[in-house]
Amino acid sequence: MHAYILIRVDAGREKMVIHSLSRSRSVEWVHEIYGDWDLISYVSFSDFATLDYVASNVIRSGRGVERTQTYIVEFGRATGR
């Protein structure tokens, strides 16, 4: 299973949080974005307990992280584009 997690961080902490999250096996990728949120990450998990752990203990507990919002992917496929 997969989820997108939007992340708001303290000003100037984007690169530090990206580096920290890139060490987690569950975080497949993380990108800096513009808008209301600062980062978007794509995470893999085998069950909801794992998602809860990743969101709470890996992402939210990180230094500089202010807030997160999680969107669980119900279905998806590659478009080939």
C-alpha atoms as a PDB file:
ATOM      1  CA  MET A   1       0.000   0.000   0.000  1.00  0.00           C
ATOM      2  CA  HIS A   2       1.054   3.594  -0.529  1.00  0.00           C
ATOM      3  CA  ALA A   3       0.309   7.078   0.734  1.00  0.00           C
ATOM      4  CA  TYR A   4       1.274  10.644  -0.065  1.00  0.00           C
ATOM      5  CA  ILE A   5       2.224  12.686   2.977  1.00  0.00           C
ATOM      6  CA  LEU A   6       2.321  16.458   2.704  1.00  0.00           C
ATOM      7  CA  ILE A   7       4.735  18.105   5.127  1.00  0.00           C
ATOM      8  CA  ARG A   8       5.041  21.662   6.420  1.00  0.00           C
ATOM      9  CA  VAL A   9       8.441  22.506   7.886  1.00  0.00           C
ATOM     10  CA  ASP A  10      10.107  25.418   9.649  1.00  0.00           C
ATOM     11  CA  ALA A  11      11.525  27.983   7.222  1.00  0.00           C
ATOM     12  CA  GLY A  12      14.928  26.956   5.931  1.00  0.00           C
ATOM     13  CA  ARG A  13      14.661  23.335   7.154  1.00  0.00           C
ATOM     14  CA  GLU A  14      13.478  21.771   3.878  1.00  0.00           C
ATOM     15  CA  LYS A  15      16.813  20.247   2.820  1.00  0.00           C
ATOM     16  CA  MET A  16      17.528  18.933   6.317  1.00  0.00           C
ATOM     17  CA  VAL A  17      14.120  17.187   6.493  1.00  0.00           C
ATOM     18  CA  ILE A  18      14.531  15.771   2.964  1.00  0.00           C
ATOM     19  CA  HIS A  19      17.922  14.331   3.920  1.00  0.00           C
ATOM     20  CA  SER A  20      16.521  12.856   7.133  1.00  0.00           C
ATOM     21  CA  LEU A  21      13.501  11.237   5.432  1.00  0.00           C
ATOM     22  CA  SER A  22      15.579   9.818   2.590  1.00  0.00           C
ATOM     23  CA  ARG A  23      17.193   7.429   5.097  1.00  0.00           C
ATOM     24  CA  SER A  24      13.869   5.689   5.816  1.00  0.00           C
ATOM     25  CA  ARG A  25      13.121   2.536   3.815  1.00  0.00           C
ATOM     26  CA  SER A  26       9.406   3.340   3.888  1.00  0.00           C
ATOM     27  CA  VAL A  27       9.852   6.744   2.245  1.00  0.00           C
ATOM     28  CA  GLU A  28      10.201   6.038  -1.476  1.00  0.00           C
ATOM     29  CA  TRP A  29      10.745   9.683  -2.401  1.00  0.00           C
ATOM     30  CA  VAL A  30      10.352  13.202  -1.054  1.00  0.00           C
ATOM     31  CA  HIS A  31      10.238  16.444  -3.075  1.00  0.00           C
ATOM     32  CA  GLU A  32      10.230  20.118  -2.213  1.00  0.00           C
ATOM     33  CA  ILE A  33       7.081  21.834  -3.513  1.00  0.00           C
ATOM     34  CA  TYR A  34       5.600  25.336  -3.605  1.00  0.00           C
ATOM     35  CA  GLY A  35       2.279  26.295  -2.022  1.00  0.00           C
ATOM     36  CA  ASP A  36       0.680  25.726   1.368  1.00  0.00           C
ATOM     37  CA  TRP A  37       2.920  22.700   1.959  1.00  0.00           C
ATOM     38  CA  ASP A  38       6.708  22.537   1.712  1.00  0.00           C
ATOM     39  CA  LEU A  39       7.362  18.862   0.939  1.00  0.00           C
ATOM     40  CA  ILE A  40       5.521  15.890  -0.512  1.00  0.00           C
ATOM     41  CA  SER A  41       6.578  12.325   0.223  1.00  0.00           C
ATOM     42  CA  TYR A  42       5.455   8.967  -1.124  1.00  0.00           C
ATOM     43  CA  VAL A  43       5.560   6.139   1.391  1.00  0.00           C
ATOM     44  CA  SER A  44       5.063   2.369   1.213  1.00  0.00           C
ATOM     45  CA  PHE A  45       3.541   0.350   4.022  1.00  0.00           C
ATOM     46  CA  SER A  46       2.253  -3.174   4.520  1.00  0.00           C
ATOM     47  CA  ASP A  47      -0.468  -2.362   7.051  1.00  0.00           C
ATOM     48  CA  PHE A  48      -1.996   0.640   8.796  1.00  0.00           C
ATOM     49  CA  ALA A  49       0.108   0.125  11.925  1.00  0.00           C
ATOM     50  CA  THR A  50       3.209   0.619   9.779  1.00  0.00           C
ATOM     51  CA  LEU A  51       1.741   3.746   8.187  1.00  0.00           C
ATOM     52  CA  ASP A  52       0.956   5.106  11.644  1.00  0.00           C
ATOM     53  CA  TYR A  53       4.519   4.401  12.760  1.00  0.00           C
ATOM     54  CA  VAL A  54       6.056   6.073   9.689  1.00  0.00           C
ATOM     55  CA  ALA A  55       3.785   9.125   9.896  1.00  0.00           C
ATOM     56  CA  SER A  56       4.156   9.564  13.659  1.00  0.00           C
ATOM     57  CA  ASN A  57       7.679   8.373  14.463  1.00  0.00           C
ATOM     58  CA  VAL A  58       9.600   8.907  11.247  1.00  0.00           C
ATOM     59  CA  ILE A  59       8.034  12.023   9.744  1.00  0.00           C
ATOM     60  CA  ARG A  60       6.131  14.003  12.399  1.00  0.00           C
ATOM     61  CA  SER A  61       8.774  13.563  15.068  1.00  0.00           C
ATOM     62  CA  GLY A  62      11.498  14.946  12.803  1.00  0.00           C
ATOM     63  CA  ARG A  63      13.231  18.165  13.756  1.00  0.00           C
ATOM     64  CA  GLY A  64      11.731  21.076  11.862  1.00  0.00           C
ATOM     65  CA  VAL A  65       8.448  19.342  10.948  1.00  0.00           C
ATOM     66  CA  GLU A  66       5.449  21.512  11.844  1.00  0.00           C
ATOM     67  CA  ARG A  67       2.506  19.591  10.413  1.00  0.00           C
ATOM     68  CA  THR A  68       1.586  16.722   8.083  1.00  0.00           C
ATOM     69  CA  GLN A  69      -1.415  15.555   6.099  1.00  0.00           C
ATOM     70  CA  THR A  70      -1.720  11.996   4.811  1.00  0.00           C
ATOM     71  CA  TYR A  71      -3.547  10.775   1.701  1.00  0.00           C
ATOM     72  CA  ILE A  72      -3.806   6.999   1.311  1.00  0.00           C
ATOM     73  CA  VAL A  73      -3.688   5.779  -2.283  1.00  0.00           C
ATOM     74  CA  GLU A  74      -6.642   3.535  -3.047  1.00  0.00           C
ATOM     75  CA  PHE A  75      -5.672   2.556  -6.580  1.00  0.00           C
ATOM     76  CA  GLY A  76      -3.110   3.681  -9.098  1.00  0.00           C
ATOM     77  CA  ARG A  77      -1.153   2.614 -12.112  1.00  0.00           C
ATOM     78  CA  ALA A  78       1.737   3.933 -14.146  1.00  0.00           C
ATOM     79  CA  THR A  79       0.726   5.926 -17.205  1.00  0.00           C
ATOM     80  CA  GLY A  80       3.934   5.325 -19.104  1.00  0.00           C
ATOM     81  CA  ARG A  81       4.369   9.044 -19.785  1.00  0.00           C
END
